[in-house]
PDB file of N, CA and C in Angstrom:
ATOM      1  N   MET A   1      29.990  13.598  -3.830  1.00  0.00           N
ATOM      2  CA  MET A   1      28.593  13.384  -3.448  1.00  0.00           C
ATOM      3  C   MET A   1      28.489  13.616  -1.954  1.00  0.00           C
ATOM      4  N   SER A   2      27.496  14.359  -1.550  1.00  0.00           N
ATOM      5  CA  SER A   2      27.315  14.670  -0.143  1.00  0.00           C
ATOM      6  C   SER A   2      26.700  13.490   0.594  1.00  0.00           C
ATOM      7  N   THR A   3      26.818  13.550   1.903  1.00  0.00           N
ATOM      8  CA  THR A   3      26.300  12.479   2.762  1.00  0.00           C
ATOM      9  C   THR A   3      24.779  12.412   2.625  1.00  0.00           C
ATOM     10  N   GLU A   4      24.153  13.556   2.474  1.00  0.00           N
ATOM     11  CA  GLU A   4      22.691  13.594   2.366  1.00  0.00           C
ATOM     12  C   GLU A   4      22.221  12.897   1.091  1.00  0.00           C
ATOM     13  N   SER A   5      22.867  13.154  -0.023  1.00  0.00           N
ATOM     14  CA  SER A   5      22.443  12.500  -1.268  1.00  0.00           C
ATOM     15  C   SER A   5      22.741  10.998  -1.235  1.00  0.00           C
ATOM     16  N   MET A   6      23.822  10.610  -0.577  1.00  0.00           N
ATOM     17  CA  MET A   6      24.080   9.177  -0.428  1.00  0.00           C
ATOM     18  C   MET A   6      23.020   8.501   0.390  1.00  0.00           C
ATOM     19  N   ALA A   7      22.583   9.170   1.466  1.00  0.00           N
ATOM     20  CA  ALA A   7      21.561   8.598   2.311  1.00  0.00           C
ATOM     21  C   ALA A   7      20.265   8.404   1.546  1.00  0.00           C
ATOM     22  N   VAL A   8      19.928   9.412   0.716  1.00  0.00           N
ATOM     23  CA  VAL A   8      18.726   9.276  -0.077  1.00  0.00           C
ATOM     24  C   VAL A   8      18.890   8.145  -1.071  1.00  0.00           C
ATOM     25  N   GLY A   9      20.051   8.062  -1.717  1.00  0.00           N
ATOM     26  CA  GLY A   9      20.294   6.988  -2.658  1.00  0.00           C
ATOM     27  C   GLY A   9      20.262   5.610  -1.983  1.00  0.00           C
ATOM     28  N   ASP A  10      20.848   5.496  -0.798  1.00  0.00           N
ATOM     29  CA  ASP A  10      20.828   4.246  -0.077  1.00  0.00           C
ATOM     30  C   ASP A  10      19.422   3.880   0.322  1.00  0.00           C
ATOM     31  N   HIS A  11      18.629   4.890   0.729  1.00  0.00           N
ATOM     32  CA  HIS A  11      17.239   4.608   1.132  1.00  0.00           C
ATOM     33  C   HIS A  11      16.418   4.075  -0.041  1.00  0.00           C
ATOM     34  N   SER A  12      16.602   4.672  -1.206  1.00  0.00           N
ATOM     35  CA  SER A  12      15.796   4.253  -2.348  1.00  0.00           C
ATOM     36  C   SER A  12      16.146   2.814  -2.735  1.00  0.00           C
ATOM     37  N   THR A  13      17.429   2.455  -2.598  1.00  0.00           N
ATOM     38  CA  THR A  13      17.829   1.068  -2.925  1.00  0.00           C
ATOM     39  C   THR A  13      17.207   0.111  -1.927  1.00  0.00           C
ATOM     40  N   THR A  14      17.271   0.459  -0.656  1.00  0.00           N
ATOM     41  CA  THR A  14      16.687  -0.376   0.374  1.00  0.00           C
ATOM     42  C   THR A  14      15.180  -0.432   0.196  1.00  0.00           C
ATOM     43  N   HIS A  15      14.575   0.715  -0.127  1.00  0.00           N
ATOM     44  CA  HIS A  15      13.134   0.796  -0.298  1.00  0.00           C
ATOM     45  C   HIS A  15      12.697  -0.103  -1.440  1.00  0.00           C
ATOM     46  N   ASP A  16      13.414  -0.078  -2.565  1.00  0.00           N
ATOM     47  CA  ASP A  16      13.078  -0.946  -3.689  1.00  0.00           C
ATOM     48  C   ASP A  16      13.217  -2.419  -3.323  1.00  0.00           C
ATOM     49  N   ASP A  17      14.253  -2.735  -2.550  1.00  0.00           N
ATOM     50  CA  ASP A  17      14.445  -4.141  -2.174  1.00  0.00           C
ATOM     51  C   ASP A  17      13.299  -4.634  -1.282  1.00  0.00           C
ATOM     52  N   ASP A  18      12.799  -3.741  -0.441  1.00  0.00           N
ATOM     53  CA  ASP A  18      11.714  -4.142   0.468  1.00  0.00           C
ATOM     54  C   ASP A  18      10.451  -4.467  -0.307  1.00  0.00           C
ATOM     55  N   HIS A  19      10.203  -3.745  -1.386  1.00  0.00           N
ATOM     56  CA  HIS A  19       8.969  -3.952  -2.154  1.00  0.00           C
ATOM     57  C   HIS A  19       9.072  -5.033  -3.180  1.00  0.00           C
ATOM     58  N   GLU A  20      10.249  -5.587  -3.361  1.00  0.00           N
ATOM     59  CA  GLU A  20      10.469  -6.602  -4.357  1.00  0.00           C
ATOM     60  C   GLU A  20       9.666  -7.874  -4.062  1.00  0.00           C
ATOM     61  N   HIS A  21       9.423  -8.155  -2.796  1.00  0.00           N
ATOM     62  CA  HIS A  21       8.784  -9.400  -2.396  1.00  0.00           C
ATOM     63  C   HIS A  21       7.332  -9.264  -2.029  1.00  0.00           C
ATOM     64  N   HIS A  22       6.699  -8.143  -2.303  1.00  0.00           N
ATOM     65  CA  HIS A  22       5.296  -7.964  -1.997  1.00  0.00           C
ATOM     66  C   HIS A  22       4.430  -8.794  -2.907  1.00  0.00           C
ATOM     67  N   PRO A  23       3.265  -9.197  -2.450  1.00  0.00           N
ATOM     68  CA  PRO A  23       2.385 -10.017  -3.270  1.00  0.00           C
ATOM     69  C   PRO A  23       1.964  -9.261  -4.557  1.00  0.00           C
ATOM     70  N   THR A  24       1.725 -10.042  -5.567  1.00  0.00           N
ATOM     71  CA  THR A  24       1.298  -9.463  -6.848  1.00  0.00           C
ATOM     72  C   THR A  24      -0.240  -9.346  -6.868  1.00  0.00           C
ATOM     73  N   ALA A  25      -0.734  -8.711  -7.914  1.00  0.00           N
ATOM     74  CA  ALA A  25      -2.188  -8.615  -8.073  1.00  0.00           C
ATOM     75  C   ALA A  25      -2.800 -10.006  -8.197  1.00  0.00           C
ATOM     76  N   LYS A  26      -2.101 -10.885  -8.862  1.00  0.00           N
ATOM     77  CA  LYS A  26      -2.577 -12.281  -8.992  1.00  0.00           C
ATOM     78  C   LYS A  26      -2.749 -12.939  -7.624  1.00  0.00           C
ATOM     79  N   THR A  27      -1.777 -12.711  -6.753  1.00  0.00           N
ATOM     80  CA  THR A  27      -1.866 -13.279  -5.388  1.00  0.00           C
ATOM     81  C   THR A  27      -3.082 -12.745  -4.655  1.00  0.00           C
ATOM     82  N   TYR A  28      -3.338 -11.427  -4.795  1.00  0.00           N
ATOM     83  CA  TYR A  28      -4.500 -10.878  -4.136  1.00  0.00           C
ATOM     84  C   TYR A  28      -5.817 -11.423  -4.695  1.00  0.00           C
ATOM     85  N   TRP A  29      -5.875 -11.609  -5.976  1.00  0.00           N
ATOM     86  CA  TRP A  29      -7.090 -12.204  -6.578  1.00  0.00           C
ATOM     87  C   TRP A  29      -7.284 -13.658  -6.161  1.00  0.00           C
ATOM     88  N   LEU A  30      -6.189 -14.419  -6.109  1.00  0.00           N
ATOM     89  CA  LEU A  30      -6.307 -15.818  -5.660  1.00  0.00           C
ATOM     90  C   LEU A  30      -6.713 -15.858  -4.184  1.00  0.00           C
ATOM     91  N   THR A  31      -6.206 -14.927  -3.392  1.00  0.00           N
ATOM     92  CA  THR A  31      -6.585 -14.832  -1.975  1.00  0.00           C
ATOM     93  C   THR A  31      -8.066 -14.527  -1.857  1.00  0.00           C
ATOM     94  N   PHE A  32      -8.528 -13.551  -2.642  1.00  0.00           N
ATOM     95  CA  PHE A  32      -9.938 -13.188  -2.654  1.00  0.00           C
ATOM     96  C   PHE A  32     -10.789 -14.391  -2.996  1.00  0.00           C
ATOM     97  N   LEU A  33     -10.400 -15.134  -4.028  1.00  0.00           N
ATOM     98  CA  LEU A  33     -11.154 -16.309  -4.466  1.00  0.00           C
ATOM     99  C   LEU A  33     -11.192 -17.368  -3.372  1.00  0.00           C
ATOM    100  N   ALA A  34     -10.039 -17.609  -2.736  1.00  0.00           N
ATOM    101  CA  ALA A  34      -9.993 -18.608  -1.653  1.00  0.00           C
ATOM    102  C   ALA A  34     -10.898 -18.199  -0.484  1.00  0.00           C
ATOM    103  N   LEU A  35     -10.853 -16.921  -0.139  1.00  0.00           N
ATOM    104  CA  LEU A  35     -11.698 -16.424   0.979  1.00  0.00           C
ATOM    105  C   LEU A  35     -13.178 -16.493   0.645  1.00  0.00           C
ATOM    106  N   VAL A  36     -13.548 -16.206  -0.593  1.00  0.00           N
ATOM    107  CA  VAL A  36     -14.935 -16.298  -1.005  1.00  0.00           C
ATOM    108  C   VAL A  36     -15.421 -17.751  -0.939  1.00  0.00           C
ATOM    109  N   ILE A  37     -14.598 -18.656  -1.434  1.00  0.00           N
ATOM    110  CA  ILE A  37     -14.953 -20.082  -1.425  1.00  0.00           C
ATOM    111  C   ILE A  37     -15.090 -20.598   0.023  1.00  0.00           C
ATOM    112  N   LEU A  38     -14.102 -20.261   0.870  1.00  0.00           N
ATOM    113  CA  LEU A  38     -14.189 -20.706   2.250  1.00  0.00           C
ATOM    114  C   LEU A  38     -15.391 -20.106   3.007  1.00  0.00           C
ATOM    115  N   THR A  39     -15.699 -18.836   2.702  1.00  0.00           N
ATOM    116  CA  THR A  39     -16.868 -18.199   3.349  1.00  0.00           C
ATOM    117  C   THR A  39     -18.157 -18.870   2.873  1.00  0.00           C
ATOM    118  N   ALA A  40     -18.237 -19.167   1.580  1.00  0.00           N
ATOM    119  CA  ALA A  40     -19.431 -19.870   1.084  1.00  0.00           C
ATOM    120  C   ALA A  40     -19.572 -21.226   1.708  1.00  0.00           C
ATOM    121  N   LEU A  41     -18.453 -21.935   1.882  1.00  0.00           N
ATOM    122  CA  LEU A  41     -18.479 -23.244   2.541  1.00  0.00           C
ATOM    123  C   LEU A  41     -18.948 -23.111   3.993  1.00  0.00           C
ATOM    124  N   GLU A  42     -18.472 -22.069   4.676  1.00  0.00           N
ATOM    125  CA  GLU A  42     -18.891 -21.855   6.068  1.00  0.00           C
ATOM    126  C   GLU A  42     -20.401 -21.592   6.173  1.00  0.00           C
ATOM    127  N   VAL A  43     -20.897 -20.745   5.297  1.00  0.00           N
ATOM    128  CA  VAL A  43     -22.324 -20.414   5.311  1.00  0.00           C
ATOM    129  C   VAL A  43     -23.146 -21.666   4.969  1.00  0.00           C
ATOM    130  N   ALA A  44     -22.731 -22.382   3.940  1.00  0.00           N
ATOM    131  CA  ALA A  44     -23.449 -23.619   3.532  1.00  0.00           C
ATOM    132  C   ALA A  44     -23.413 -24.640   4.685  1.00  0.00           C
ATOM    133  N   TRP A  45     -22.262 -24.759   5.354  1.00  0.00           N
ATOM    134  CA  TRP A  45     -22.136 -25.738   6.468  1.00  0.00           C
ATOM    135  C   TRP A  45     -23.084 -25.382   7.607  1.00  0.00           C
ATOM    136  N   SER A  46     -23.260 -24.088   7.856  1.00  0.00           N
ATOM    137  CA  SER A  46     -24.129 -23.670   8.933  1.00  0.00           C
ATOM    138  C   SER A  46     -25.596 -23.954   8.661  1.00  0.00           C
ATOM    139  N   TYR A  47     -25.984 -24.139   7.378  1.00  0.00           N
ATOM    140  CA  TYR A  47     -27.381 -24.441   7.038  1.00  0.00           C
ATOM    141  C   TYR A  47     -27.625 -25.948   6.871  1.00  0.00           C
ATOM    142  N   LEU A  48     -26.662 -26.795   7.176  1.00  0.00           N
ATOM    143  CA  LEU A  48     -26.858 -28.227   7.011  1.00  0.00           C
ATOM    144  C   LEU A  48     -27.711 -28.828   8.150  1.00  0.00           C
ATOM    145  N   GLY A  49     -27.943 -28.060   9.169  1.00  0.00           N
ATOM    146  CA  GLY A  49     -28.746 -28.573  10.282  1.00  0.00           C
ATOM    147  C   GLY A  49     -27.949 -29.400  11.273  1.00  0.00           C
ATOM    148  N   LEU A  50     -26.662 -29.315  11.230  1.00  0.00           N
ATOM    149  CA  LEU A  50     -25.827 -30.074  12.157  1.00  0.00           C
ATOM    150  C   LEU A  50     -25.750 -29.323  13.493  1.00  0.00           C
ATOM    151  N   SER A  51     -25.339 -30.046  14.522  1.00  0.00           N
ATOM    152  CA  SER A  51     -25.180 -29.419  15.818  1.00  0.00           C
ATOM    153  C   SER A  51     -23.977 -30.008  16.533  1.00  0.00           C
ATOM    154  N   GLY A  52     -23.568 -29.344  17.567  1.00  0.00           N
ATOM    155  CA  GLY A  52     -22.460 -29.841  18.381  1.00  0.00           C
ATOM    156  C   GLY A  52     -21.141 -29.821  17.622  1.00  0.00           C
ATOM    157  N   VAL A  53     -20.348 -30.862  17.870  1.00  0.00           N
ATOM    158  CA  VAL A  53     -19.006 -30.957  17.296  1.00  0.00           C
ATOM    159  C   VAL A  53     -19.051 -31.015  15.764  1.00  0.00           C
ATOM    160  N   ALA A  54     -20.063 -31.684  15.201  1.00  0.00           N
ATOM    161  CA  ALA A  54     -20.178 -31.800  13.741  1.00  0.00           C
ATOM    162  C   ALA A  54     -20.353 -30.440  13.082  1.00  0.00           C
ATOM    163  N   LEU A  55     -20.933 -29.489  13.800  1.00  0.00           N
ATOM    164  CA  LEU A  55     -21.123 -28.143  13.281  1.00  0.00           C
ATOM    165  C   LEU A  55     -19.869 -27.278  13.580  1.00  0.00           C
ATOM    166  N   VAL A  56     -19.393 -27.296  14.797  1.00  0.00           N
ATOM    167  CA  VAL A  56     -18.382 -26.379  15.250  1.00  0.00           C
ATOM    168  C   VAL A  56     -16.997 -26.707  14.733  1.00  0.00           C
ATOM    169  N   LEU A  57     -16.584 -27.977  14.777  1.00  0.00           N
ATOM    170  CA  LEU A  57     -15.194 -28.318  14.407  1.00  0.00           C
ATOM    171  C   LEU A  57     -14.850 -27.929  12.969  1.00  0.00           C
ATOM    172  N   PRO A  58     -15.645 -28.272  11.972  1.00  0.00           N
ATOM    173  CA  PRO A  58     -15.316 -27.816  10.603  1.00  0.00           C
ATOM    174  C   PRO A  58     -15.310 -26.306  10.459  1.00  0.00           C
ATOM    175  N   LEU A  59     -16.215 -25.627  11.164  1.00  0.00           N
ATOM    176  CA  LEU A  59     -16.198 -24.159  11.101  1.00  0.00           C
ATOM    177  C   LEU A  59     -14.922 -23.608  11.711  1.00  0.00           C
ATOM    178  N   LEU A  60     -14.467 -24.161  12.824  1.00  0.00           N
ATOM    179  CA  LEU A  60     -13.223 -23.726  13.440  1.00  0.00           C
ATOM    180  C   LEU A  60     -12.053 -23.979  12.492  1.00  0.00           C
ATOM    181  N   ILE A  61     -12.008 -25.111  11.831  1.00  0.00           N
ATOM    182  CA  ILE A  61     -10.913 -25.419  10.929  1.00  0.00           C
ATOM    183  C   ILE A  61     -10.899 -24.438   9.759  1.00  0.00           C
ATOM    184  N   MET A  62     -12.085 -24.133   9.202  1.00  0.00           N
ATOM    185  CA  MET A  62     -12.131 -23.166   8.117  1.00  0.00           C
ATOM    186  C   MET A  62     -11.753 -21.781   8.598  1.00  0.00           C
ATOM    187  N   MET A  63     -12.084 -21.433   9.858  1.00  0.00           N
ATOM    188  CA  MET A  63     -11.714 -20.162  10.402  1.00  0.00           C
ATOM    189  C   MET A  63     -10.198 -20.023  10.502  1.00  0.00           C
ATOM    190  N   VAL A  64      -9.551 -21.085  10.986  1.00  0.00           N
ATOM    191  CA  VAL A  64      -8.100 -21.039  11.131  1.00  0.00           C
ATOM    192  C   VAL A  64      -7.418 -20.935   9.761  1.00  0.00           C
ATOM    193  N   ILE A  65      -7.939 -21.626   8.770  1.00  0.00           N
ATOM    194  CA  ILE A  65      -7.384 -21.565   7.405  1.00  0.00           C
ATOM    195  C   ILE A  65      -7.519 -20.130   6.874  1.00  0.00           C
ATOM    196  N   LYS A  66      -8.700 -19.536   7.064  1.00  0.00           N
ATOM    197  CA  LYS A  66      -8.885 -18.160   6.592  1.00  0.00           C
ATOM    198  C   LYS A  66      -7.990 -17.174   7.324  1.00  0.00           C
ATOM    199  N   PHE A  67      -7.798 -17.403   8.611  1.00  0.00           N
ATOM    200  CA  PHE A  67      -6.914 -16.551   9.402  1.00  0.00           C
ATOM    201  C   PHE A  67      -5.475 -16.637   8.820  1.00  0.00           C
ATOM    202  N   ALA A  68      -5.022 -17.857   8.576  1.00  0.00           N
ATOM    203  CA  ALA A  68      -3.673 -18.030   8.045  1.00  0.00           C
ATOM    204  C   ALA A  68      -3.520 -17.355   6.697  1.00  0.00           C
ATOM    205  N   ILE A  69      -4.530 -17.429   5.875  1.00  0.00           N
ATOM    206  CA  ILE A  69      -4.482 -16.784   4.541  1.00  0.00           C
ATOM    207  C   ILE A  69      -4.370 -15.270   4.697  1.00  0.00           C
ATOM    208  N   VAL A  70      -5.239 -14.709   5.533  1.00  0.00           N
ATOM    209  CA  VAL A  70      -5.257 -13.255   5.721  1.00  0.00           C
ATOM    210  C   VAL A  70      -3.971 -12.772   6.349  1.00  0.00           C
ATOM    211  N   ALA A  71      -3.511 -13.446   7.390  1.00  0.00           N
ATOM    212  CA  ALA A  71      -2.276 -13.065   8.055  1.00  0.00           C
ATOM    213  C   ALA A  71      -1.073 -13.178   7.130  1.00  0.00           C
ATOM    214  N   GLY A  72      -1.075 -14.244   6.327  1.00  0.00           N
ATOM    215  CA  GLY A  72       0.070 -14.467   5.445  1.00  0.00           C
ATOM    216  C   GLY A  72       0.120 -13.499   4.273  1.00  0.00           C
ATOM    217  N   VAL A  73      -0.986 -13.174   3.693  1.00  0.00           N
ATOM    218  CA  VAL A  73      -0.982 -12.362   2.471  1.00  0.00           C
ATOM    219  C   VAL A  73      -1.157 -10.866   2.810  1.00  0.00           C
ATOM    220  N   PHE A  74      -2.229 -10.505   3.476  1.00  0.00           N
ATOM    221  CA  PHE A  74      -2.544  -9.107   3.665  1.00  0.00           C
ATOM    222  C   PHE A  74      -1.634  -8.452   4.734  1.00  0.00           C
ATOM    223  N   MET A  75      -1.110  -9.203   5.669  1.00  0.00           N
ATOM    224  CA  MET A  75      -0.172  -8.658   6.652  1.00  0.00           C
ATOM    225  C   MET A  75       1.270  -8.900   6.197  1.00  0.00           C
ATOM    226  N   HIS A  76       1.448  -9.435   4.986  1.00  0.00           N
ATOM    227  CA  HIS A  76       2.766  -9.671   4.376  1.00  0.00           C
ATOM    228  C   HIS A  76       3.640 -10.599   5.218  1.00  0.00           C
ATOM    229  N   LEU A  77       3.045 -11.507   5.950  1.00  0.00           N
ATOM    230  CA  LEU A  77       3.813 -12.384   6.850  1.00  0.00           C
ATOM    231  C   LEU A  77       4.510 -13.471   6.013  1.00  0.00           C
ATOM    232  N   TYR A  78       4.024 -13.784   4.852  1.00  0.00           N
ATOM    233  CA  TYR A  78       4.685 -14.788   4.001  1.00  0.00           C
ATOM    234  C   TYR A  78       6.071 -14.299   3.598  1.00  0.00           C
ATOM    235  N   THR A  79       6.250 -12.997   3.453  1.00  0.00           N
ATOM    236  CA  THR A  79       7.482 -12.479   2.901  1.00  0.00           C
ATOM    237  C   THR A  79       8.344 -11.726   3.930  1.00  0.00           C
ATOM    238  N   ASP A  80       7.936 -11.647   5.164  1.00  0.00           N
ATOM    239  CA  ASP A  80       8.708 -10.852   6.140  1.00  0.00           C
ATOM    240  C   ASP A  80      10.023 -11.498   6.574  1.00  0.00           C
ATOM    241  N   LEU A  81      10.082 -12.787   6.662  1.00  0.00           N
ATOM    242  CA  LEU A  81      11.275 -13.425   7.142  1.00  0.00           C
ATOM    243  C   LEU A  81      11.462 -14.715   6.333  1.00  0.00           C
ATOM    244  N   ASN A  82      12.643 -14.882   5.777  1.00  0.00           N
ATOM    245  CA  ASN A  82      12.884 -16.039   4.901  1.00  0.00           C
ATOM    246  C   ASN A  82      13.384 -17.247   5.679  1.00  0.00           C
ATOM    247  N   ILE A  83      12.648 -17.639   6.694  1.00  0.00           N
ATOM    248  CA  ILE A  83      12.909 -18.894   7.378  1.00  0.00           C
ATOM    249  C   ILE A  83      11.720 -19.791   7.066  1.00  0.00           C
ATOM    250  N   LEU A  84      11.941 -21.058   6.860  1.00  0.00           N
ATOM    251  CA  LEU A  84      10.918 -22.000   6.441  1.00  0.00           C
ATOM    252  C   LEU A  84      10.297 -21.501   5.130  1.00  0.00           C
ATOM    253  N   ASN A  85      11.110 -21.163   4.166  1.00  0.00           N
ATOM    254  CA  ASN A  85      10.652 -20.705   2.844  1.00  0.00           C
ATOM    255  C   ASN A  85       9.768 -19.453   2.923  1.00  0.00           C
ATOM    256  N   GLY A  86      10.055 -18.577   3.868  1.00  0.00           N
ATOM    257  CA  GLY A  86       9.333 -17.307   3.961  1.00  0.00           C
ATOM    258  C   GLY A  86       8.021 -17.396   4.701  1.00  0.00           C
ATOM    259  N   HIS A  87       7.709 -18.534   5.280  1.00  0.00           N
ATOM    260  CA  HIS A  87       6.411 -18.687   5.941  1.00  0.00           C
ATOM    261  C   HIS A  87       6.532 -18.747   7.470  1.00  0.00           C
ATOM    262  N   TRP A  88       7.627 -18.316   8.017  1.00  0.00           N
ATOM    263  CA  TRP A  88       7.864 -18.463   9.454  1.00  0.00           C
ATOM    264  C   TRP A  88       6.787 -17.756  10.295  1.00  0.00           C
ATOM    265  N   PHE A  89       6.498 -16.511   9.959  1.00  0.00           N
ATOM    266  CA  PHE A  89       5.502 -15.772  10.766  1.00  0.00           C
ATOM    267  C   PHE A  89       4.108 -16.337  10.599  1.00  0.00           C
ATOM    268  N   THR A  90       3.789 -16.805   9.415  1.00  0.00           N
ATOM    269  CA  THR A  90       2.473 -17.394   9.214  1.00  0.00           C
ATOM    270  C   THR A  90       2.347 -18.702  10.001  1.00  0.00           C
ATOM    271  N   VAL A  91       3.412 -19.479  10.048  1.00  0.00           N
ATOM    272  CA  VAL A  91       3.411 -20.709  10.852  1.00  0.00           C
ATOM    273  C   VAL A  91       3.236 -20.349  12.320  1.00  0.00           C
ATOM    274  N   ALA A  92       3.961 -19.339  12.764  1.00  0.00           N
ATOM    275  CA  ALA A  92       3.842 -18.912  14.174  1.00  0.00           C
ATOM    276  C   ALA A  92       2.429 -18.410  14.469  1.00  0.00           C
ATOM    277  N   PHE A  93       1.828 -17.645  13.574  1.00  0.00           N
ATOM    278  CA  PHE A  93       0.453 -17.168  13.765  1.00  0.00           C
ATOM    279  C   PHE A  93      -0.517 -18.351  13.753  1.00  0.00           C
ATOM    280  N   GLY A  94      -0.279 -19.283  12.873  1.00  0.00           N
ATOM    281  CA  GLY A  94      -1.156 -20.475  12.841  1.00  0.00           C
ATOM    282  C   GLY A  94      -1.105 -21.276  14.133  1.00  0.00           C
ATOM    283  N   ILE A  95       0.102 -21.458  14.663  1.00  0.00           N
ATOM    284  CA  ILE A  95       0.254 -22.125  15.924  1.00  0.00           C
ATOM    285  C   ILE A  95      -0.440 -21.345  17.054  1.00  0.00           C
ATOM    286  N   ALA A  96      -0.277 -20.041  17.031  1.00  0.00           N
ATOM    287  CA  ALA A  96      -0.888 -19.200  18.082  1.00  0.00           C
ATOM    288  C   ALA A  96      -2.408 -19.294  18.009  1.00  0.00           C
ATOM    289  N   ILE A  97      -2.983 -19.217  16.826  1.00  0.00           N
ATOM    290  CA  ILE A  97      -4.449 -19.297  16.709  1.00  0.00           C
ATOM    291  C   ILE A  97      -4.928 -20.695  17.076  1.00  0.00           C
ATOM    292  N   GLY A  98      -4.146 -21.704  16.735  1.00  0.00           N
ATOM    293  CA  GLY A  98      -4.491 -23.076  17.138  1.00  0.00           C
ATOM    294  C   GLY A  98      -4.542 -23.229  18.645  1.00  0.00           C
ATOM    295  N   LEU A  99      -3.559 -22.643  19.318  1.00  0.00           N
ATOM    296  CA  LEU A  99      -3.541 -22.673  20.780  1.00  0.00           C
ATOM    297  C   LEU A  99      -4.733 -21.898  21.350  1.00  0.00           C
ATOM    298  N   ALA A 100      -5.012 -20.769  20.789  1.00  0.00           N
ATOM    299  CA  ALA A 100      -6.151 -19.940  21.268  1.00  0.00           C
ATOM    300  C   ALA A 100      -7.458 -20.699  21.114  1.00  0.00           C
ATOM    301  N   VAL A 101      -7.639 -21.322  19.978  1.00  0.00           N
ATOM    302  CA  VAL A 101      -8.878 -22.103  19.763  1.00  0.00           C
ATOM    303  C   VAL A 101      -8.934 -23.265  20.721  1.00  0.00           C
ATOM    304  N   SER A 102      -7.789 -23.925  20.945  1.00  0.00           N
ATOM    305  CA  SER A 102      -7.759 -25.055  21.898  1.00  0.00           C
ATOM    306  C   SER A 102      -8.162 -24.624  23.268  1.00  0.00           C
ATOM    307  N   VAL A 103      -7.627 -23.496  23.737  1.00  0.00           N
ATOM    308  CA  VAL A 103      -7.981 -22.971  25.057  1.00  0.00           C
ATOM    309  C   VAL A 103      -9.468 -22.635  25.115  1.00  0.00           C
ATOM    310  N   TYR A 104      -9.996 -22.038  24.075  1.00  0.00           N
ATOM    311  CA  TYR A 104     -11.413 -21.708  24.027  1.00  0.00           C
ATOM    312  C   TYR A 104     -12.268 -22.972  24.131  1.00  0.00           C
ATOM    313  N   VAL A 105     -11.899 -24.001  23.377  1.00  0.00           N
ATOM    314  CA  VAL A 105     -12.675 -25.253  23.391  1.00  0.00           C
ATOM    315  C   VAL A 105     -12.611 -25.913  24.784  1.00  0.00           C
ATOM    316  N   VAL A 106     -11.458 -25.921  25.405  1.00  0.00           N
ATOM    317  CA  VAL A 106     -11.307 -26.520  26.737  1.00  0.00           C
ATOM    318  C   VAL A 106     -12.141 -25.752  27.765  1.00  0.00           C
ATOM    319  N   VAL A 107     -12.090 -24.429  27.732  1.00  0.00           N
ATOM    320  CA  VAL A 107     -12.857 -23.648  28.673  1.00  0.00           C
ATOM    321  C   VAL A 107     -14.346 -23.799  28.454  1.00  0.00           C
ATOM    322  N   PHE A 108     -14.749 -23.788  27.180  1.00  0.00           N
ATOM    323  CA  PHE A 108     -16.136 -24.007  26.836  1.00  0.00           C
ATOM    324  C   PHE A 108     -16.628 -25.369  27.319  1.00  0.00           C
ATOM    325  N   ALA A 109     -15.803 -26.414  27.071  1.00  0.00           N
ATOM    326  CA  ALA A 109     -16.199 -27.748  27.509  1.00  0.00           C
ATOM    327  C   ALA A 109     -16.274 -27.828  29.031  1.00  0.00           C
ATOM    328  N   ALA A 110     -15.359 -27.138  29.729  1.00  0.00           N
ATOM    329  CA  ALA A 110     -15.388 -27.186  31.189  1.00  0.00           C
ATOM    330  C   ALA A 110     -16.688 -26.569  31.729  1.00  0.00           C
ATOM    331  N   PHE A 111     -17.157 -25.487  31.141  1.00  0.00           N
ATOM    332  CA  PHE A 111     -18.420 -24.887  31.592  1.00  0.00           C
ATOM    333  C   PHE A 111     -19.616 -25.704  31.125  1.00  0.00           C
ATOM    334  N   GLN A 112     -19.558 -26.230  29.913  1.00  0.00           N
ATOM    335  CA  GLN A 112     -20.688 -26.983  29.368  1.00  0.00           C
ATOM    336  C   GLN A 112     -20.917 -28.295  30.073  1.00  0.00           C
ATOM    337  N   PHE A 113     -19.841 -29.003  30.407  1.00  0.00           N
ATOM    338  CA  PHE A 113     -19.951 -30.340  30.964  1.00  0.00           C
ATOM    339  C   PHE A 113     -19.561 -30.397  32.439  1.00  0.00           C
ATOM    340  N   ASN A 114     -19.401 -29.222  33.058  1.00  0.00           N
ATOM    341  CA  ASN A 114     -19.041 -29.101  34.499  1.00  0.00           C
ATOM    342  C   ASN A 114     -17.827 -29.950  34.847  1.00  0.00           C
ATOM    343  N   ILE A 115     -16.796 -29.802  34.066  1.00  0.00           N
ATOM    344  CA  ILE A 115     -15.532 -30.545  34.297  1.00  0.00           C
ATOM    345  C   ILE A 115     -14.738 -29.852  35.381  1.00  0.00           C
TER     346      ILE A 115
END
């Protein structure tokens, strides 16, 4: 067997292994359902007539949850690295978005309340 055919054979084995952990159609449908429900909750929450923290905080929480779902499933972050049961990158993205939202809230509060 030539080196070229071995490389092709090795690539196909590696290629198959990489796709073994991709989300299934069921996962995509459950993700779709979760995103639809969260979006409906966000829209309904915005029509409750609330203002200030009572309006913004739940919307931010729902936003972070939706971000984690999208990053974990559609960007394949759930399956990229098998640390913390395969959720390492999603946890890292969740922490990063949490920090970004925290900085946004602090800066907004500083301008709003002249801190």
